[in-house]
Amino acid sequence: MTKKKEAPSHPITVEDHIELNKQNTQKKHSAVNDALKFPVGDQFEKDLTEILDSDCEANGETVVIALVDFDNFLHINNDFGREVGDKVLIATGLYIKEHLPKDACVYRIGGDEFGIIFKGETEREEIFLFLNDLKNGFDVKTPDGASQSLTIGMATAFVDASRCAELVRKADGALYRAKVSGRNRVAMAKEEKMIPKTSHYTGDQLQRLAKLSKREGIGEAILLREALDILLKKYDI
């Protein structure tokens, strides 16, 4: 008789949840990944970190990231089935790749979201216009002939942020604003109004935060935003 695998004795952390979600997404949609042959999952952030750590800023190169989200994708799987949903995602990925300039690379981040890294001499305003054209020219349809749309959030390195996690957070914030304001649009990251720390944190937490900030050489506000992003991703907000 096969011994039943015991559950882990340690509590599941937020990082565990995120990693499990990534693994499940990649397993469920392996057909899409196999067809597109895009870099997937956290390769986007790995490559972005390497780019940001290079001499691109000193060389005057523009680095822009874009998060591309398929609008209302869930209804496609519900109405037409997962096989049709996979075909739609494949067509979407190919559409993005075929229209990208030579200084850009597309990734499949997971689910119905793609990431693009632009690195070169193209200014961010030109990239914004390109993304708007990309969105406007999107011609992938569902089996019933209904047109679909994309929503895009973008952020520029060394203008909006210098670290990978912060830059992705800025692009994700732009994507969220574009979604809640009606979808089918492109939004750039914007300067954020920060709210001072309040009594939401204990004295011990703030002391440990200060210690971590000093050790890593990262501002406390940036660390708090990164932690909050992990929490929001856990609950899919």
C-alpha atoms as a PDB file:
ATOM      1  CA  MET A   1       0.000   0.000   0.000  1.00  0.00           C
ATOM      2  CA  THR A   2       1.382   3.387  -0.992  1.00  0.00           C
ATOM      3  CA  LYS A   3       2.033   5.669   1.911  1.00  0.00           C
ATOM      4  CA  LYS A   4       0.053   8.877   1.735  1.00  0.00           C
ATOM      5  CA  LYS A   5       2.233  11.940   1.360  1.00  0.00           C
ATOM      6  CA  GLU A   6       2.120  14.043   4.486  1.00  0.00           C
ATOM      7  CA  ALA A   7       1.307  17.728   4.318  1.00  0.00           C
ATOM      8  CA  PRO A   8       4.220  20.075   5.107  1.00  0.00           C
ATOM      9  CA  SER A   9       4.506  20.834   8.812  1.00  0.00           C
ATOM     10  CA  HIS A  10       5.400  24.477   8.258  1.00  0.00           C
ATOM     11  CA  PRO A  11       2.733  27.092   7.452  1.00  0.00           C
ATOM     12  CA  ILE A  12       2.349  28.098   3.818  1.00  0.00           C
ATOM     13  CA  THR A  13       3.794  31.562   3.284  1.00  0.00           C
ATOM     14  CA  VAL A  14       2.705  34.269   0.840  1.00  0.00           C
ATOM     15  CA  GLU A  15       5.724  33.391  -1.303  1.00  0.00           C
ATOM     16  CA  ASP A  16       4.573  29.746  -1.336  1.00  0.00           C
ATOM     17  CA  HIS A  17       1.153  30.799  -2.598  1.00  0.00           C
ATOM     18  CA  ILE A  18       2.663  32.865  -5.408  1.00  0.00           C
ATOM     19  CA  GLU A  19       5.020  30.067  -6.437  1.00  0.00           C
ATOM     20  CA  LEU A  20       2.175  27.512  -6.436  1.00  0.00           C
ATOM     21  CA  ASN A  21       0.053  29.842  -8.565  1.00  0.00           C
ATOM     22  CA  LYS A  22       2.901  30.199 -11.064  1.00  0.00           C
ATOM     23  CA  GLN A  23       3.423  26.446 -11.232  1.00  0.00           C
ATOM     24  CA  ASN A  24      -0.297  25.756 -11.635  1.00  0.00           C
ATOM     25  CA  THR A  25      -0.631  28.416 -14.345  1.00  0.00           C
ATOM     26  CA  GLN A  26       2.288  26.995 -16.307  1.00  0.00           C
ATOM     27  CA  LYS A  27       0.971  23.422 -15.980  1.00  0.00           C
ATOM     28  CA  LYS A  28      -2.572  24.322 -16.995  1.00  0.00           C
ATOM     29  CA  HIS A  29      -1.430  26.317 -20.006  1.00  0.00           C
ATOM     30  CA  SER A  30       1.579  24.280 -21.145  1.00  0.00           C
ATOM     31  CA  ALA A  31      -0.032  23.981 -24.597  1.00  0.00           C
ATOM     32  CA  VAL A  32       0.090  27.762 -24.930  1.00  0.00           C
ATOM     33  CA  ASN A  33       3.708  27.934 -23.764  1.00  0.00           C
ATOM     34  CA  ASP A  34       4.711  25.104 -26.104  1.00  0.00           C
ATOM     35  CA  ALA A  35       3.082  26.815 -29.077  1.00  0.00           C
ATOM     36  CA  LEU A  36       4.450  30.308 -28.408  1.00  0.00           C
ATOM     37  CA  LYS A  37       7.908  29.311 -27.148  1.00  0.00           C
ATOM     38  CA  PHE A  38       8.061  32.584 -25.193  1.00  0.00           C
ATOM     39  CA  PRO A  39      10.150  33.006 -22.054  1.00  0.00           C
ATOM     40  CA  VAL A  40       7.661  32.396 -19.227  1.00  0.00           C
ATOM     41  CA  GLY A  41       7.037  33.126 -15.556  1.00  0.00           C
ATOM     42  CA  ASP A  42       9.749  34.879 -13.585  1.00  0.00           C
ATOM     43  CA  GLN A  43      12.158  34.986 -16.542  1.00  0.00           C
ATOM     44  CA  PHE A  44      10.651  38.424 -17.251  1.00  0.00           C
ATOM     45  CA  GLU A  45      11.869  39.799 -13.933  1.00  0.00           C
ATOM     46  CA  LYS A  46      15.206  37.974 -14.155  1.00  0.00           C
ATOM     47  CA  ASP A  47      15.964  39.519 -17.547  1.00  0.00           C
ATOM     48  CA  LEU A  48      14.717  42.922 -16.430  1.00  0.00           C
ATOM     49  CA  THR A  49      16.943  42.834 -13.339  1.00  0.00           C
ATOM     50  CA  GLU A  50      19.955  41.990 -15.493  1.00  0.00           C
ATOM     51  CA  ILE A  51      19.172  44.875 -17.840  1.00  0.00           C
ATOM     52  CA  LEU A  52      18.732  47.355 -14.987  1.00  0.00           C
ATOM     53  CA  ASP A  53      22.029  46.244 -13.455  1.00  0.00           C
ATOM     54  CA  SER A  54      23.873  46.801 -16.735  1.00  0.00           C
ATOM     55  CA  ASP A  55      25.216  50.088 -18.115  1.00  0.00           C
ATOM     56  CA  CYS A  56      22.065  50.941 -20.051  1.00  0.00           C
ATOM     57  CA  GLU A  57      21.390  54.118 -18.066  1.00  0.00           C
ATOM     58  CA  ALA A  58      24.942  55.385 -18.518  1.00  0.00           C
ATOM     59  CA  ASN A  59      24.752  54.536 -22.204  1.00  0.00           C
ATOM     60  CA  GLY A  60      21.599  56.602 -22.580  1.00  0.00           C
ATOM     61  CA  GLU A  61      19.428  53.643 -23.547  1.00  0.00           C
ATOM     62  CA  THR A  62      15.700  53.713 -22.894  1.00  0.00           C
ATOM     63  CA  VAL A  63      14.269  50.793 -20.919  1.00  0.00           C
ATOM     64  CA  VAL A  64      10.489  50.512 -20.803  1.00  0.00           C
ATOM     65  CA  ILE A  65       8.310  47.629 -19.657  1.00  0.00           C
ATOM     66  CA  ALA A  66       4.703  46.997 -20.614  1.00  0.00           C
ATOM     67  CA  LEU A  67       2.192  44.622 -19.052  1.00  0.00           C
ATOM     68  CA  VAL A  68      -0.421  43.512 -21.589  1.00  0.00           C
ATOM     69  CA  ASP A  69      -3.653  42.025 -20.272  1.00  0.00           C
ATOM     70  CA  PHE A  70      -6.410  40.372 -22.318  1.00  0.00           C
ATOM     71  CA  ASP A  71      -9.718  41.999 -21.323  1.00  0.00           C
ATOM     72  CA  ASN A  72     -12.427  39.783 -19.829  1.00  0.00           C
ATOM     73  CA  PHE A  73     -10.637  36.579 -20.766  1.00  0.00           C
ATOM     74  CA  LEU A  74     -12.462  34.423 -18.214  1.00  0.00           C
ATOM     75  CA  HIS A  75     -15.679  34.444 -20.226  1.00  0.00           C
ATOM     76  CA  ILE A  76     -13.881  32.843 -23.196  1.00  0.00           C
ATOM     77  CA  ASN A  77     -12.981  29.750 -21.192  1.00  0.00           C
ATOM     78  CA  ASN A  78     -16.463  29.698 -19.662  1.00  0.00           C
ATOM     79  CA  ASP A  79     -18.380  30.199 -22.911  1.00  0.00           C
ATOM     80  CA  PHE A  80     -16.219  28.314 -25.417  1.00  0.00           C
ATOM     81  CA  GLY A  81     -14.018  26.001 -23.363  1.00  0.00           C
ATOM     82  CA  ARG A  82     -10.340  25.967 -22.382  1.00  0.00           C
ATOM     83  CA  GLU A  83      -9.155  24.667 -25.763  1.00  0.00           C
ATOM     84  CA  VAL A  84     -10.608  27.711 -27.490  1.00  0.00           C
ATOM     85  CA  GLY A  85      -9.156  29.896 -24.732  1.00  0.00           C
ATOM     86  CA  ASP A  86      -5.696  28.459 -25.414  1.00  0.00           C
ATOM     87  CA  LYS A  87      -6.067  29.142 -29.143  1.00  0.00           C
ATOM     88  CA  VAL A  88      -7.053  32.740 -28.407  1.00  0.00           C
ATOM     89  CA  LEU A  89      -4.017  33.195 -26.136  1.00  0.00           C
ATOM     90  CA  ILE A  90      -1.721  31.711 -28.777  1.00  0.00           C
ATOM     91  CA  ALA A  91      -3.138  34.043 -31.432  1.00  0.00           C
ATOM     92  CA  THR A  92      -2.732  36.983 -29.048  1.00  0.00           C
ATOM     93  CA  GLY A  93       0.885  36.147 -28.262  1.00  0.00           C
ATOM     94  CA  LEU A  94       1.739  35.742 -31.941  1.00  0.00           C
ATOM     95  CA  TYR A  95       0.033  39.037 -32.740  1.00  0.00           C
ATOM     96  CA  ILE A  96       2.152  40.847 -30.141  1.00  0.00           C
ATOM     97  CA  LYS A  97       5.391  39.187 -31.257  1.00  0.00           C
ATOM     98  CA  GLU A  98       4.804  39.859 -34.952  1.00  0.00           C
ATOM     99  CA  HIS A  99       4.324  43.571 -34.335  1.00  0.00           C
ATOM    100  CA  LEU A 100       7.172  44.210 -31.877  1.00  0.00           C
ATOM    101  CA  PRO A 101      10.159  46.342 -32.918  1.00  0.00           C
ATOM    102  CA  LYS A 102      13.574  44.658 -33.023  1.00  0.00           C
ATOM    103  CA  ASP A 103      14.647  46.153 -29.655  1.00  0.00           C
ATOM    104  CA  ALA A 104      11.778  44.509 -27.724  1.00  0.00           C
ATOM    105  CA  CYS A 105      11.121  41.051 -26.298  1.00  0.00           C
ATOM    106  CA  VAL A 106       7.788  39.536 -25.257  1.00  0.00           C
ATOM    107  CA  TYR A 107       7.208  37.158 -22.332  1.00  0.00           C
ATOM    108  CA  ARG A 108       4.246  35.140 -21.128  1.00  0.00           C
ATOM    109  CA  ILE A 109       3.961  36.109 -17.479  1.00  0.00           C
ATOM    110  CA  GLY A 110       1.037  33.784 -16.812  1.00  0.00           C
ATOM    111  CA  GLY A 111      -2.663  33.370 -17.443  1.00  0.00           C
ATOM    112  CA  ASP A 112      -3.787  35.962 -19.965  1.00  0.00           C
ATOM    113  CA  GLU A 113      -0.989  38.461 -19.259  1.00  0.00           C
ATOM    114  CA  PHE A 114       2.079  39.164 -21.356  1.00  0.00           C
ATOM    115  CA  GLY A 115       5.100  41.306 -20.562  1.00  0.00           C
ATOM    116  CA  ILE A 116       7.256  43.310 -22.957  1.00  0.00           C
ATOM    117  CA  ILE A 117      10.734  44.736 -22.341  1.00  0.00           C
ATOM    118  CA  PHE A 118      11.877  47.541 -24.638  1.00  0.00           C
ATOM    119  CA  LYS A 119      15.583  48.396 -24.592  1.00  0.00           C
ATOM    120  CA  GLY A 120      17.219  50.725 -27.061  1.00  0.00           C
ATOM    121  CA  GLU A 121      17.091  54.236 -28.473  1.00  0.00           C
ATOM    122  CA  THR A 122      13.310  54.565 -28.846  1.00  0.00           C
ATOM    123  CA  GLU A 123      11.912  57.235 -26.522  1.00  0.00           C
ATOM    124  CA  ARG A 124       9.128  56.307 -24.103  1.00  0.00           C
ATOM    125  CA  GLU A 125       6.642  58.643 -25.839  1.00  0.00           C
ATOM    126  CA  GLU A 126       7.193  56.728 -29.075  1.00  0.00           C
ATOM    127  CA  ILE A 127       6.770  53.446 -27.209  1.00  0.00           C
ATOM    128  CA  PHE A 128       3.495  54.706 -25.744  1.00  0.00           C
ATOM    129  CA  LEU A 129       2.246  55.519 -29.249  1.00  0.00           C
ATOM    130  CA  PHE A 130       3.395  52.126 -30.494  1.00  0.00           C
ATOM    131  CA  LEU A 131       1.526  50.353 -27.669  1.00  0.00           C
ATOM    132  CA  ASN A 132      -1.579  52.365 -28.443  1.00  0.00           C
ATOM    133  CA  ASP A 133      -1.353  51.279 -32.087  1.00  0.00           C
ATOM    134  CA  LEU A 134      -0.762  47.692 -30.950  1.00  0.00           C
ATOM    135  CA  LYS A 135      -3.910  47.850 -28.856  1.00  0.00           C
ATOM    136  CA  ASN A 136      -5.956  49.496 -31.611  1.00  0.00           C
ATOM    137  CA  GLY A 137      -4.855  46.974 -34.243  1.00  0.00           C
ATOM    138  CA  PHE A 138      -5.657  43.912 -32.136  1.00  0.00           C
ATOM    139  CA  ASP A 139      -7.840  41.726 -34.357  1.00  0.00           C
ATOM    140  CA  VAL A 140      -8.150  38.420 -32.479  1.00  0.00           C
ATOM    141  CA  LYS A 141     -11.786  37.300 -32.301  1.00  0.00           C
ATOM    142  CA  THR A 142     -13.742  34.580 -30.497  1.00  0.00           C
ATOM    143  CA  PRO A 143     -15.589  31.847 -32.465  1.00  0.00           C
ATOM    144  CA  ASP A 144     -18.770  33.936 -32.470  1.00  0.00           C
ATOM    145  CA  GLY A 145     -16.928  36.713 -34.322  1.00  0.00           C
ATOM    146  CA  ALA A 146     -16.862  39.088 -31.368  1.00  0.00           C
ATOM    147  CA  SER A 147     -13.913  41.513 -31.243  1.00  0.00           C
ATOM    148  CA  GLN A 148     -11.653  41.415 -28.201  1.00  0.00           C
ATOM    149  CA  SER A 149      -9.426  44.042 -26.617  1.00  0.00           C
ATOM    150  CA  LEU A 150      -6.189  44.549 -24.696  1.00  0.00           C
ATOM    151  CA  THR A 151      -5.330  46.823 -21.795  1.00  0.00           C
ATOM    152  CA  ILE A 152      -1.721  47.885 -21.250  1.00  0.00           C
ATOM    153  CA  GLY A 153       0.240  49.477 -18.419  1.00  0.00           C
ATOM    154  CA  MET A 154       3.781  50.773 -18.959  1.00  0.00           C
ATOM    155  CA  ALA A 155       6.630  52.134 -16.847  1.00  0.00           C
ATOM    156  CA  THR A 156      10.037  53.606 -17.697  1.00  0.00           C
ATOM    157  CA  ALA A 157      13.260  52.633 -15.959  1.00  0.00           C
ATOM    158  CA  PHE A 158      15.212  55.316 -14.113  1.00  0.00           C
ATOM    159  CA  VAL A 159      12.256  57.683 -14.508  1.00  0.00           C
ATOM    160  CA  ASP A 160       9.492  55.801 -12.723  1.00  0.00           C
ATOM    161  CA  ALA A 161      11.786  53.434 -10.795  1.00  0.00           C
ATOM    162  CA  SER A 162      15.281  51.959 -10.837  1.00  0.00           C
ATOM    163  CA  ARG A 163      14.675  48.545  -9.283  1.00  0.00           C
ATOM    164  CA  CYS A 164      12.906  45.638 -10.958  1.00  0.00           C
ATOM    165  CA  ALA A 165      10.199  45.078  -8.339  1.00  0.00           C
ATOM    166  CA  GLU A 166       9.357  48.778  -8.138  1.00  0.00           C
ATOM    167  CA  LEU A 167       9.262  49.176 -11.916  1.00  0.00           C
ATOM    168  CA  VAL A 168       6.943  46.190 -12.302  1.00  0.00           C
ATOM    169  CA  ARG A 169       4.762  47.580  -9.517  1.00  0.00           C
ATOM    170  CA  LYS A 170       4.520  50.920 -11.342  1.00  0.00           C
ATOM    171  CA  ALA A 171       3.527  49.220 -14.603  1.00  0.00           C
ATOM    172  CA  ASP A 172       1.009  47.054 -12.739  1.00  0.00           C
ATOM    173  CA  GLY A 173      -0.455  50.180 -11.136  1.00  0.00           C
ATOM    174  CA  ALA A 174      -0.823  51.778 -14.568  1.00  0.00           C
ATOM    175  CA  LEU A 175      -2.497  48.604 -15.847  1.00  0.00           C
ATOM    176  CA  TYR A 176      -4.914  48.635 -12.915  1.00  0.00           C
ATOM    177  CA  ARG A 177      -5.847  52.289 -13.536  1.00  0.00           C
ATOM    178  CA  ALA A 178      -6.451  51.525 -17.200  1.00  0.00           C
ATOM    179  CA  LYS A 179      -8.657  48.575 -16.261  1.00  0.00           C
ATOM    180  CA  VAL A 180     -10.851  50.439 -13.795  1.00  0.00           C
ATOM    181  CA  SER A 181     -11.207  53.418 -16.133  1.00  0.00           C
ATOM    182  CA  GLY A 182     -12.782  51.338 -18.883  1.00  0.00           C
ATOM    183  CA  ARG A 183     -10.234  48.855 -20.315  1.00  0.00           C
ATOM    184  CA  ASN A 184      -9.053  48.799 -23.943  1.00  0.00           C
ATOM    185  CA  ARG A 185      -6.474  51.529 -23.325  1.00  0.00           C
ATOM    186  CA  VAL A 186      -2.824  52.203 -22.520  1.00  0.00           C
ATOM    187  CA  ALA A 187      -1.728  53.946 -19.318  1.00  0.00           C
ATOM    188  CA  MET A 188       1.687  55.231 -18.281  1.00  0.00           C
ATOM    189  CA  ALA A 189       2.972  55.065 -14.728  1.00  0.00           C
ATOM    190  CA  LYS A 190       2.444  58.291 -12.863  1.00  0.00           C
ATOM    191  CA  GLU A 191       3.971  59.972  -9.867  1.00  0.00           C
ATOM    192  CA  GLU A 192       2.363  58.596  -6.735  1.00  0.00           C
ATOM    193  CA  LYS A 193       1.157  60.500  -3.738  1.00  0.00           C
ATOM    194  CA  MET A 194       2.659  58.814  -0.703  1.00  0.00           C
ATOM    195  CA  ILE A 195       0.879  58.516   2.613  1.00  0.00           C
ATOM    196  CA  PRO A 196       2.999  58.689   5.790  1.00  0.00           C
ATOM    197  CA  LYS A 197       3.277  55.612   7.998  1.00  0.00           C
ATOM    198  CA  THR A 198       0.615  55.518  10.690  1.00  0.00           C
ATOM    199  CA  SER A 199      -0.255  53.484  13.775  1.00  0.00           C
ATOM    200  CA  HIS A 200      -1.049  50.507  11.536  1.00  0.00           C
ATOM    201  CA  TYR A 201       2.404  49.135  12.413  1.00  0.00           C
ATOM    202  CA  THR A 202       3.815  48.101  15.768  1.00  0.00           C
ATOM    203  CA  GLY A 203       6.994  49.595  17.161  1.00  0.00           C
ATOM    204  CA  ASP A 204       8.771  46.268  16.760  1.00  0.00           C
ATOM    205  CA  GLN A 205       7.738  46.022  13.104  1.00  0.00           C
ATOM    206  CA  LEU A 206       9.028  49.505  12.370  1.00  0.00           C
ATOM    207  CA  GLN A 207      12.342  48.809  14.098  1.00  0.00           C
ATOM    208  CA  ARG A 208      12.821  45.613  12.113  1.00  0.00           C
ATOM    209  CA  LEU A 209      11.816  47.437   8.926  1.00  0.00           C
ATOM    210  CA  ALA A 210      14.444  50.111   9.600  1.00  0.00           C
ATOM    211  CA  LYS A 211      17.060  47.410  10.187  1.00  0.00           C
ATOM    212  CA  LEU A 212      16.128  45.653   6.935  1.00  0.00           C
ATOM    213  CA  SER A 213      16.199  48.938   5.036  1.00  0.00           C
ATOM    214  CA  LYS A 214      19.686  49.718   6.320  1.00  0.00           C
ATOM    215  CA  ARG A 215      20.980  46.212   5.612  1.00  0.00           C
ATOM    216  CA  GLU A 216      19.659  46.059   2.037  1.00  0.00           C
ATOM    217  CA  GLY A 217      20.177  49.728   1.189  1.00  0.00           C
ATOM    218  CA  ILE A 218      16.547  50.058   0.121  1.00  0.00           C
ATOM    219  CA  GLY A 219      14.108  52.720   1.299  1.00  0.00           C
ATOM    220  CA  GLU A 220      11.495  51.684   3.863  1.00  0.00           C
ATOM    221  CA  ALA A 221       8.657  52.937   1.646  1.00  0.00           C
ATOM    222  CA  ILE A 222       9.829  50.757  -1.243  1.00  0.00           C
ATOM    223  CA  LEU A 223      10.016  47.688   1.008  1.00  0.00           C
ATOM    224  CA  LEU A 224       6.509  48.330   2.325  1.00  0.00           C
ATOM    225  CA  ARG A 225       5.106  48.709  -1.184  1.00  0.00           C
ATOM    226  CA  GLU A 226       6.754  45.465  -2.287  1.00  0.00           C
ATOM    227  CA  ALA A 227       5.288  43.649   0.735  1.00  0.00           C
ATOM    228  CA  LEU A 228       1.834  45.053   0.025  1.00  0.00           C
ATOM    229  CA  ASP A 229       2.095  43.967  -3.611  1.00  0.00           C
ATOM    230  CA  ILE A 230       2.787  40.385  -2.474  1.00  0.00           C
ATOM    231  CA  LEU A 231      -0.304  40.519  -0.270  1.00  0.00           C
ATOM    232  CA  LEU A 232      -2.512  41.894  -3.055  1.00  0.00           C
ATOM    233  CA  LYS A 233      -1.267  39.235  -5.496  1.00  0.00           C
ATOM    234  CA  LYS A 234      -2.024  36.525  -2.943  1.00  0.00           C
ATOM    235  CA  TYR A 235      -5.668  37.607  -2.823  1.00  0.00           C
ATOM    236  CA  ASP A 236      -5.777  38.382  -6.574  1.00  0.00           C
ATOM    237  CA  ILE A 237      -6.634  42.059  -6.145  1.00  0.00           C
END
